Amino acid sequence: MIHKIKQLILLAILVSVGYFLLSNHIIYFGNGIKLLKKSRPTSAYTFVSIENKKVEDILKIEDLRNDGIGDFLVEIGKLNNEEKERLEYIITKSP
């Protein structure tokens, strides 16, 4: 009985970790990491490094842009709010 309970606890932990990874972007930016909530559980862009990447290239990734990476880039000082809005407008309006 104890063995079965241990297995269920381990399974619950593994499922929780899996759901956490599917529900968050883990963004590495040189000085640390930031968790960014995904709009829907998916394995796309779970681990993302923005170190040495152009801001435009980061914002071109639709999943990250929709989940608020632009606000995070403003927060860490990679661009200001006006630049973020301008770039998001250009990227979303271009074919």
C-alpha atoms as a PDB file:
ATOM      1  CA  MET A   1       0.000   0.000   0.000  1.00  0.00           C
ATOM      2  CA  ILE A   2       2.822   2.451   0.886  1.00  0.00           C
ATOM      3  CA  HIS A   3       4.555   1.595  -2.401  1.00  0.00           C
ATOM      4  CA  LYS A   4       1.390   2.442  -4.350  1.00  0.00           C
ATOM      5  CA  ILE A   5       1.052   5.788  -2.534  1.00  0.00           C
ATOM      6  CA  LYS A   6       4.690   6.641  -3.319  1.00  0.00           C
ATOM      7  CA  GLN A   7       4.085   5.866  -7.001  1.00  0.00           C
ATOM      8  CA  LEU A   8       1.003   8.092  -7.059  1.00  0.00           C
ATOM      9  CA  ILE A   9       2.899  10.938  -5.391  1.00  0.00           C
ATOM     10  CA  LEU A  10       5.746  10.602  -7.898  1.00  0.00           C
ATOM     11  CA  LEU A  11       3.256  10.555 -10.777  1.00  0.00           C
ATOM     12  CA  ALA A  12       1.543  13.681  -9.411  1.00  0.00           C
ATOM     13  CA  ILE A  13       4.905  15.460  -9.183  1.00  0.00           C
ATOM     14  CA  LEU A  14       5.835  14.501 -12.756  1.00  0.00           C
ATOM     15  CA  VAL A  15       2.454  15.628 -14.100  1.00  0.00           C
ATOM     16  CA  SER A  16       2.777  18.933 -12.214  1.00  0.00           C
ATOM     17  CA  VAL A  17       6.254  19.591 -13.616  1.00  0.00           C
ATOM     18  CA  GLY A  18       5.050  18.734 -17.112  1.00  0.00           C
ATOM     19  CA  TYR A  19       2.078  21.085 -16.833  1.00  0.00           C
ATOM     20  CA  PHE A  20       4.344  23.834 -15.467  1.00  0.00           C
ATOM     21  CA  LEU A  21       6.666  23.483 -18.473  1.00  0.00           C
ATOM     22  CA  LEU A  22       3.745  23.507 -20.921  1.00  0.00           C
ATOM     23  CA  SER A  23       2.233  26.601 -19.273  1.00  0.00           C
ATOM     24  CA  ASN A  24       5.294  28.882 -19.032  1.00  0.00           C
ATOM     25  CA  HIS A  25       8.002  30.363 -21.218  1.00  0.00           C
ATOM     26  CA  ILE A  26      11.321  30.222 -19.384  1.00  0.00           C
ATOM     27  CA  ILE A  27      13.232  33.236 -20.683  1.00  0.00           C
ATOM     28  CA  TYR A  28      16.996  33.462 -20.162  1.00  0.00           C
ATOM     29  CA  PHE A  29      18.329  36.994 -20.497  1.00  0.00           C
ATOM     30  CA  GLY A  30      21.886  36.945 -19.192  1.00  0.00           C
ATOM     31  CA  ASN A  31      21.241  38.308 -15.704  1.00  0.00           C
ATOM     32  CA  GLY A  32      18.803  35.569 -14.814  1.00  0.00           C
ATOM     33  CA  ILE A  33      15.599  33.914 -15.897  1.00  0.00           C
ATOM     34  CA  LYS A  34      12.022  35.108 -16.130  1.00  0.00           C
ATOM     35  CA  LEU A  35       8.836  33.085 -16.284  1.00  0.00           C
ATOM     36  CA  LEU A  36       6.295  34.304 -18.782  1.00  0.00           C
ATOM     37  CA  LYS A  37       2.844  32.726 -18.683  1.00  0.00           C
ATOM     38  CA  LYS A  38       1.751  31.130 -21.973  1.00  0.00           C
ATOM     39  CA  SER A  39      -1.694  31.902 -23.335  1.00  0.00           C
ATOM     40  CA  ARG A  40      -2.292  28.178 -23.821  1.00  0.00           C
ATOM     41  CA  PRO A  41      -0.386  25.042 -22.808  1.00  0.00           C
ATOM     42  CA  THR A  42       2.066  24.104 -25.556  1.00  0.00           C
ATOM     43  CA  SER A  43       5.633  22.915 -25.891  1.00  0.00           C
ATOM     44  CA  ALA A  44       6.534  25.731 -28.309  1.00  0.00           C
ATOM     45  CA  TYR A  45       9.128  28.189 -27.010  1.00  0.00           C
ATOM     46  CA  THR A  46       9.302  26.719 -23.518  1.00  0.00           C
ATOM     47  CA  PHE A  47      13.004  27.568 -23.161  1.00  0.00           C
ATOM     48  CA  VAL A  48      14.014  30.822 -24.838  1.00  0.00           C
ATOM     49  CA  SER A  49      17.292  32.728 -24.703  1.00  0.00           C
ATOM     50  CA  ILE A  50      17.083  36.388 -25.684  1.00  0.00           C
ATOM     51  CA  GLU A  51      20.770  36.939 -25.015  1.00  0.00           C
ATOM     52  CA  ASN A  52      22.526  38.469 -28.060  1.00  0.00           C
ATOM     53  CA  LYS A  53      19.313  38.570 -30.135  1.00  0.00           C
ATOM     54  CA  LYS A  54      17.834  41.571 -31.871  1.00  0.00           C
ATOM     55  CA  VAL A  55      14.649  42.906 -30.316  1.00  0.00           C
ATOM     56  CA  GLU A  56      12.958  42.743 -33.727  1.00  0.00           C
ATOM     57  CA  ASP A  57      13.768  39.039 -34.050  1.00  0.00           C
ATOM     58  CA  ILE A  58      12.343  38.323 -30.609  1.00  0.00           C
ATOM     59  CA  LEU A  59       9.142  40.247 -31.315  1.00  0.00           C
ATOM     60  CA  LYS A  60       8.661  38.450 -34.648  1.00  0.00           C
ATOM     61  CA  ILE A  61       7.874  35.248 -32.739  1.00  0.00           C
ATOM     62  CA  GLU A  62       4.088  35.421 -32.571  1.00  0.00           C
ATOM     63  CA  ASP A  63       3.665  33.156 -29.525  1.00  0.00           C
ATOM     64  CA  LEU A  64       6.084  35.227 -27.458  1.00  0.00           C
ATOM     65  CA  ARG A  65       4.668  38.538 -28.689  1.00  0.00           C
ATOM     66  CA  ASN A  66       1.103  37.497 -27.845  1.00  0.00           C
ATOM     67  CA  ASP A  67       2.174  36.348 -24.380  1.00  0.00           C
ATOM     68  CA  GLY A  68       3.792  39.692 -23.502  1.00  0.00           C
ATOM     69  CA  ILE A  69       7.489  39.447 -24.310  1.00  0.00           C
ATOM     70  CA  GLY A  70       7.402  43.095 -25.399  1.00  0.00           C
ATOM     71  CA  ASP A  71       6.481  44.255 -21.901  1.00  0.00           C
ATOM     72  CA  PHE A  72       9.288  42.132 -20.497  1.00  0.00           C
ATOM     73  CA  LEU A  73      11.786  43.683 -22.938  1.00  0.00           C
ATOM     74  CA  VAL A  74      10.669  47.117 -21.736  1.00  0.00           C
ATOM     75  CA  GLU A  75      11.011  45.960 -18.117  1.00  0.00           C
ATOM     76  CA  ILE A  76      14.642  44.891 -18.563  1.00  0.00           C
ATOM     77  CA  GLY A  77      15.508  48.011 -20.587  1.00  0.00           C
ATOM     78  CA  LYS A  78      16.112  46.494 -24.016  1.00  0.00           C
ATOM     79  CA  LEU A  79      13.658  49.025 -25.486  1.00  0.00           C
ATOM     80  CA  ASN A  80      11.200  51.654 -24.349  1.00  0.00           C
ATOM     81  CA  ASN A  81       7.410  51.505 -24.513  1.00  0.00           C
ATOM     82  CA  GLU A  82       7.134  53.688 -27.642  1.00  0.00           C
ATOM     83  CA  GLU A  83       9.649  51.519 -29.518  1.00  0.00           C
ATOM     84  CA  LYS A  84       7.797  48.386 -28.410  1.00  0.00           C
ATOM     85  CA  GLU A  85       4.463  49.679 -29.694  1.00  0.00           C
ATOM     86  CA  ARG A  86       6.017  50.836 -32.982  1.00  0.00           C
ATOM     87  CA  LEU A  87       7.783  47.510 -33.591  1.00  0.00           C
ATOM     88  CA  GLU A  88       4.697  45.463 -32.664  1.00  0.00           C
ATOM     89  CA  TYR A  89       2.615  47.566 -35.052  1.00  0.00           C
ATOM     90  CA  ILE A  90       5.127  47.127 -37.889  1.00  0.00           C
ATOM     91  CA  ILE A  91       5.480  43.384 -37.299  1.00  0.00           C
ATOM     92  CA  THR A  92       1.740  42.675 -37.044  1.00  0.00           C
ATOM     93  CA  LYS A  93       0.850  44.820 -40.075  1.00  0.00           C
ATOM     94  CA  SER A  94       3.550  43.515 -42.420  1.00  0.00           C
ATOM     95  CA  PRO A  95       2.573  40.559 -44.646  1.00  0.00           C
END
